[in-house]
């Protein structure tokens, strides 16, 4: 029982640190574009990949 409180505080501190670190690194900068990324044309992605170009020929 004496271990649970320090463990909970340590775990909570870790998650706060992880959130602040990811926010500073730009993880939450663009929240709109990823929703629409699946709607982009796949042919554009294939043209930019040199491995796929070799297979198409």
PDB file of N, CA and C in Angstrom:
ATOM      1  N   UNK A   1       0.830  -1.205   0.000  1.00  0.00           N
ATOM      2  CA  UNK A   1       0.000   0.000   0.000  1.00  0.00           C
ATOM      3  C   UNK A   1       0.869   1.262   0.000  1.00  0.00           C
ATOM      4  N   UNK A   2       2.018   1.209   0.626  1.00  0.00           N
ATOM      5  CA  UNK A   2       2.899   2.378   0.667  1.00  0.00           C
ATOM      6  C   UNK A   2       3.578   2.627  -0.671  1.00  0.00           C
ATOM      7  N   UNK A   3       3.489   1.699  -1.578  1.00  0.00           N
ATOM      8  CA  UNK A   3       4.148   1.824  -2.874  1.00  0.00           C
ATOM      9  C   UNK A   3       3.209   2.444  -3.910  1.00  0.00           C
ATOM     10  N   UNK A   4       1.918   2.309  -3.713  1.00  0.00           N
ATOM     11  CA  UNK A   4       0.957   2.725  -4.735  1.00  0.00           C
ATOM     12  C   UNK A   4       0.942   4.236  -4.974  1.00  0.00           C
ATOM     13  N   UNK A   5       1.006   5.022  -3.955  1.00  0.00           N
ATOM     14  CA  UNK A   5       0.960   6.475  -4.130  1.00  0.00           C
ATOM     15  C   UNK A   5       2.191   6.994  -4.871  1.00  0.00           C
ATOM     16  N   UNK A   6       3.406   6.636  -4.478  1.00  0.00           N
ATOM     17  CA  UNK A   6       4.568   7.099  -5.259  1.00  0.00           C
ATOM     18  C   UNK A   6       4.566   6.574  -6.694  1.00  0.00           C
ATOM     19  N   UNK A   7       4.110   5.344  -6.880  1.00  0.00           N
ATOM     20  CA  UNK A   7       4.038   4.788  -8.218  1.00  0.00           C
ATOM     21  C   UNK A   7       3.027   5.556  -9.070  1.00  0.00           C
ATOM     22  N   UNK A   8       1.889   5.900  -8.512  1.00  0.00           N
ATOM     23  CA  UNK A   8       0.876   6.668  -9.232  1.00  0.00           C
ATOM     24  C   UNK A   8       1.394   8.071  -9.572  1.00  0.00           C
ATOM     25  N   UNK A   9       2.109   8.697  -8.654  1.00  0.00           N
ATOM     26  CA  UNK A   9       2.671  10.019  -8.926  1.00  0.00           C
ATOM     27  C   UNK A   9       3.752   9.950  -9.999  1.00  0.00           C
ATOM     28  N   UNK A  10       4.568   8.921  -9.953  1.00  0.00           N
ATOM     29  CA  UNK A  10       5.605   8.743 -10.962  1.00  0.00           C
ATOM     30  C   UNK A  10       4.996   8.505 -12.343  1.00  0.00           C
ATOM     31  N   UNK A  11       3.995   7.677 -12.407  1.00  0.00           N
ATOM     32  CA  UNK A  11       3.324   7.396 -13.667  1.00  0.00           C
ATOM     33  C   UNK A  11       2.619   8.643 -14.213  1.00  0.00           C
ATOM     34  N   UNK A  12       1.958   9.382 -13.353  1.00  0.00           N
ATOM     35  CA  UNK A  12       1.307  10.625 -13.769  1.00  0.00           C
ATOM     36  C   UNK A  12       2.316  11.650 -14.265  1.00  0.00           C
ATOM     37  N   UNK A  13       3.446  11.752 -13.578  1.00  0.00           N
ATOM     38  CA  UNK A  13       4.501  12.664 -14.008  1.00  0.00           C
ATOM     39  C   UNK A  13       5.063  12.284 -15.370  1.00  0.00           C
ATOM     40  N   UNK A  14       5.201  10.977 -15.592  1.00  0.00           N
ATOM     41  CA  UNK A  14       5.688  10.514 -16.894  1.00  0.00           C
ATOM     42  C   UNK A  14       4.730  10.916 -18.005  1.00  0.00           C
ATOM     43  N   UNK A  15       3.433  10.750 -17.800  1.00  0.00           N
ATOM     44  CA  UNK A  15       2.472  11.105 -18.844  1.00  0.00           C
ATOM     45  C   UNK A  15       2.404  12.607 -19.078  1.00  0.00           C
ATOM     46  N   UNK A  16       2.561  13.392 -18.041  1.00  0.00           N
ATOM     47  CA  UNK A  16       2.608  14.854 -18.221  1.00  0.00           C
ATOM     48  C   UNK A  16       3.851  15.242 -19.011  1.00  0.00           C
ATOM     49  N   UNK A  17       4.996  14.640 -18.666  1.00  0.00           N
ATOM     50  CA  UNK A  17       6.233  14.903 -19.401  1.00  0.00           C
ATOM     51  C   UNK A  17       6.094  14.497 -20.871  1.00  0.00           C
ATOM     52  N   UNK A  18       5.498  13.332 -21.139  1.00  0.00           N
ATOM     53  CA  UNK A  18       5.334  12.854 -22.507  1.00  0.00           C
ATOM     54  C   UNK A  18       4.421  13.785 -23.306  1.00  0.00           C
ATOM     55  N   UNK A  19       3.366  14.294 -22.683  1.00  0.00           N
ATOM     56  CA  UNK A  19       2.469  15.218 -23.372  1.00  0.00           C
ATOM     57  C   UNK A  19       3.171  16.527 -23.706  1.00  0.00           C
ATOM     58  N   UNK A  20       3.892  17.093 -22.749  1.00  0.00           N
ATOM     59  CA  UNK A  20       4.590  18.353 -22.990  1.00  0.00           C
ATOM     60  C   UNK A  20       5.666  18.172 -24.055  1.00  0.00           C
ATOM     61  N   UNK A  21       6.391  17.059 -24.006  1.00  0.00           N
ATOM     62  CA  UNK A  21       7.435  16.791 -24.989  1.00  0.00           C
ATOM     63  C   UNK A  21       6.840  16.678 -26.395  1.00  0.00           C
ATOM     64  N   UNK A  22       5.739  15.944 -26.539  1.00  0.00           N
ATOM     65  CA  UNK A  22       5.142  15.776 -27.863  1.00  0.00           C
ATOM     66  C   UNK A  22       4.523  17.077 -28.367  1.00  0.00           C
ATOM     67  N   UNK A  23       3.991  17.891 -27.477  1.00  0.00           N
ATOM     68  CA  UNK A  23       3.426  19.176 -27.897  1.00  0.00           C
ATOM     69  C   UNK A  23       4.522  20.117 -28.381  1.00  0.00           C
ATOM     70  N   UNK A  24       5.677  20.091 -27.740  1.00  0.00           N
ATOM     71  CA  UNK A  24       6.790  20.944 -28.173  1.00  0.00           C
ATOM     72  C   UNK A  24       7.410  20.459 -29.472  1.00  0.00           C
ATOM     73  N   UNK A  25       7.359  19.172 -29.747  1.00  0.00           N
ATOM     74  CA  UNK A  25       7.926  18.617 -30.974  1.00  0.00           C
ATOM     75  C   UNK A  25       6.995  18.789 -32.173  1.00  0.00           C
ATOM     76  N   UNK A  26       5.780  19.284 -31.956  1.00  0.00           N
ATOM     77  CA  UNK A  26       4.882  19.566 -33.063  1.00  0.00           C
ATOM     78  C   UNK A  26       3.906  18.454 -33.384  1.00  0.00           C
ATOM     79  N   UNK A  27       3.686  17.553 -32.474  1.00  0.00           N
ATOM     80  CA  UNK A  27       2.778  16.441 -32.724  1.00  0.00           C
ATOM     81  C   UNK A  27       1.346  16.923 -32.975  1.00  0.00           C
ATOM     82  N   UNK A  28       0.952  18.007 -32.337  1.00  0.00           N
ATOM     83  CA  UNK A  28      -0.423  18.473 -32.425  1.00  0.00           C
ATOM     84  C   UNK A  28      -0.563  19.734 -33.277  1.00  0.00           C
ATOM     85  N   UNK A  29       0.413  20.013 -34.146  1.00  0.00           N
ATOM     86  CA  UNK A  29       0.369  21.229 -34.952  1.00  0.00           C
ATOM     87  C   UNK A  29      -0.732  21.192 -36.004  1.00  0.00           C
ATOM     88  N   UNK A  30      -0.841  20.101 -36.742  1.00  0.00           N
ATOM     89  CA  UNK A  30      -1.813  20.012 -37.836  1.00  0.00           C
ATOM     90  C   UNK A  30      -2.797  18.901 -37.530  1.00  0.00           C
ATOM     91  N   UNK A  31      -3.974  19.284 -37.079  1.00  0.00           N
ATOM     92  CA  UNK A  31      -4.992  18.304 -36.726  1.00  0.00           C
ATOM     93  C   UNK A  31      -6.007  18.082 -37.841  1.00  0.00           C
ATOM     94  N   UNK A  32      -5.966  18.904 -38.890  1.00  0.00           N
ATOM     95  CA  UNK A  32      -6.968  18.817 -39.949  1.00  0.00           C
ATOM     96  C   UNK A  32      -6.526  17.940 -41.118  1.00  0.00           C
ATOM     97  N   UNK A  33      -5.289  18.035 -41.555  1.00  0.00           N
ATOM     98  CA  UNK A  33      -4.833  17.347 -42.760  1.00  0.00           C
ATOM     99  C   UNK A  33      -4.887  15.828 -42.674  1.00  0.00           C
ATOM    100  N   UNK A  34      -4.503  15.181 -41.581  1.00  0.00           N
ATOM    101  CA  UNK A  34      -4.518  13.716 -41.566  1.00  0.00           C
ATOM    102  C   UNK A  34      -5.884  13.097 -41.857  1.00  0.00           C
ATOM    103  N   UNK A  35      -6.955  13.784 -41.563  1.00  0.00           N
ATOM    104  CA  UNK A  35      -8.292  13.253 -41.862  1.00  0.00           C
ATOM    105  C   UNK A  35      -8.508  13.115 -43.358  1.00  0.00           C
ATOM    106  N   UNK A  36      -7.935  14.040 -44.128  1.00  0.00           N
ATOM    107  CA  UNK A  36      -8.178  14.075 -45.560  1.00  0.00           C
ATOM    108  C   UNK A  36      -7.094  13.373 -46.360  1.00  0.00           C
ATOM    109  N   UNK A  37      -6.042  12.914 -45.712  1.00  0.00           N
ATOM    110  CA  UNK A  37      -4.940  12.276 -46.417  1.00  0.00           C
ATOM    111  C   UNK A  37      -5.388  11.008 -47.145  1.00  0.00           C
ATOM    112  N   UNK A  38      -6.366  10.307 -46.607  1.00  0.00           N
ATOM    113  CA  UNK A  38      -6.842   9.081 -47.247  1.00  0.00           C
ATOM    114  C   UNK A  38      -7.607   9.371 -48.533  1.00  0.00           C
ATOM    115  N   UNK A  39      -8.050  10.605 -48.721  1.00  0.00           N
ATOM    116  CA  UNK A  39      -8.813  10.955 -49.907  1.00  0.00           C
ATOM    117  C   UNK A  39      -7.933  11.379 -51.081  1.00  0.00           C
ATOM    118  N   UNK A  40      -6.633  11.546 -50.845  1.00  0.00           N
ATOM    119  CA  UNK A  40      -5.732  11.961 -51.905  1.00  0.00           C
ATOM    120  C   UNK A  40      -5.585  10.845 -52.933  1.00  0.00           C
ATOM    121  N   UNK A  41      -5.234  11.232 -54.117  1.00  0.00           N
ATOM    122  CA  UNK A  41      -5.094  10.270 -55.203  1.00  0.00           C
ATOM    123  C   UNK A  41      -3.870   9.383 -54.970  1.00  0.00           C
ATOM    124  N   UNK A  42      -4.044   8.071 -55.053  1.00  0.00           N
ATOM    125  CA  UNK A  42      -2.947   7.141 -54.832  1.00  0.00           C
ATOM    126  C   UNK A  42      -1.918   7.184 -55.950  1.00  0.00           C
ATOM    127  N   UNK A  43      -2.303   7.585 -57.156  1.00  0.00           N
ATOM    128  CA  UNK A  43      -1.367   7.620 -58.273  1.00  0.00           C
ATOM    129  C   UNK A  43      -0.250   8.617 -58.026  1.00  0.00           C
ATOM    130  N   UNK A  44      -0.528   9.692 -57.341  1.00  0.00           N
ATOM    131  CA  UNK A  44       0.507  10.670 -57.018  1.00  0.00           C
ATOM    132  C   UNK A  44       1.548  10.057 -56.088  1.00  0.00           C
ATOM    133  N   UNK A  45       1.120   9.252 -55.180  1.00  0.00           N
ATOM    134  CA  UNK A  45       2.037   8.612 -54.245  1.00  0.00           C
ATOM    135  C   UNK A  45       2.903   7.592 -54.988  1.00  0.00           C
ATOM    136  N   UNK A  46       2.312   6.835 -55.908  1.00  0.00           N
ATOM    137  CA  UNK A  46       3.064   5.831 -56.653  1.00  0.00           C
ATOM    138  C   UNK A  46       4.111   6.467 -57.561  1.00  0.00           C
ATOM    139  N   UNK A  47       3.823   7.622 -58.135  1.00  0.00           N
ATOM    140  CA  UNK A  47       4.783   8.278 -59.014  1.00  0.00           C
ATOM    141  C   UNK A  47       6.001   8.768 -58.249  1.00  0.00           C
ATOM    142  N   UNK A  48       5.850   9.102 -56.997  1.00  0.00           N
ATOM    143  CA  UNK A  48       6.978   9.610 -56.230  1.00  0.00           C
ATOM    144  C   UNK A  48       7.831   8.494 -55.654  1.00  0.00           C
ATOM    145  N   UNK A  49       7.387   7.245 -55.747  1.00  0.00           N
ATOM    146  CA  UNK A  49       8.129   6.121 -55.191  1.00  0.00           C
ATOM    147  C   UNK A  49       8.919   5.438 -56.306  1.00  0.00           C
ATOM    148  N   UNK A  50      10.263   5.501 -56.287  1.00  0.00           N
ATOM    149  CA  UNK A  50      11.052   4.922 -57.381  1.00  0.00           C
ATOM    150  C   UNK A  50      10.931   3.401 -57.469  1.00  0.00           C
ATOM    151  N   UNK A  51      10.664   2.717 -56.398  1.00  0.00           N
ATOM    152  CA  UNK A  51      10.523   1.269 -56.425  1.00  0.00           C
ATOM    153  C   UNK A  51       9.265   0.882 -57.194  1.00  0.00           C
ATOM    154  N   UNK A  52       8.200   1.621 -56.987  1.00  0.00           N
ATOM    155  CA  UNK A  52       6.945   1.347 -57.686  1.00  0.00           C
ATOM    156  C   UNK A  52       7.082   1.622 -59.181  1.00  0.00           C
ATOM    157  N   UNK A  53       7.907   2.608 -59.578  1.00  0.00           N
ATOM    158  CA  UNK A  53       8.091   2.917 -60.980  1.00  0.00           C
ATOM    159  C   UNK A  53       8.726   1.729 -61.712  1.00  0.00           C
ATOM    160  N   UNK A  54       9.674   1.087 -61.095  1.00  0.00           N
ATOM    161  CA  UNK A  54      10.338  -0.048 -61.725  1.00  0.00           C
ATOM    162  C   UNK A  54       9.366  -1.201 -61.947  1.00  0.00           C
ATOM    163  N   UNK A  55       8.450  -1.405 -61.021  1.00  0.00           N
ATOM    164  CA  UNK A  55       7.488  -2.490 -61.141  1.00  0.00           C
ATOM    165  C   UNK A  55       6.428  -2.221 -62.200  1.00  0.00           C
ATOM    166  N   UNK A  56       6.114  -0.945 -62.453  1.00  0.00           N
ATOM    167  CA  UNK A  56       5.087  -0.590 -63.424  1.00  0.00           C
ATOM    168  C   UNK A  56       5.548  -0.844 -64.854  1.00  0.00           C
ATOM    169  N   UNK A  57       6.842  -0.750 -65.137  1.00  0.00           N
ATOM    170  CA  UNK A  57       7.383  -0.893 -66.502  1.00  0.00           C
ATOM    171  C   UNK A  57       7.348  -2.285 -66.941  1.00  0.00           C
TER     172      UNK A  57
END
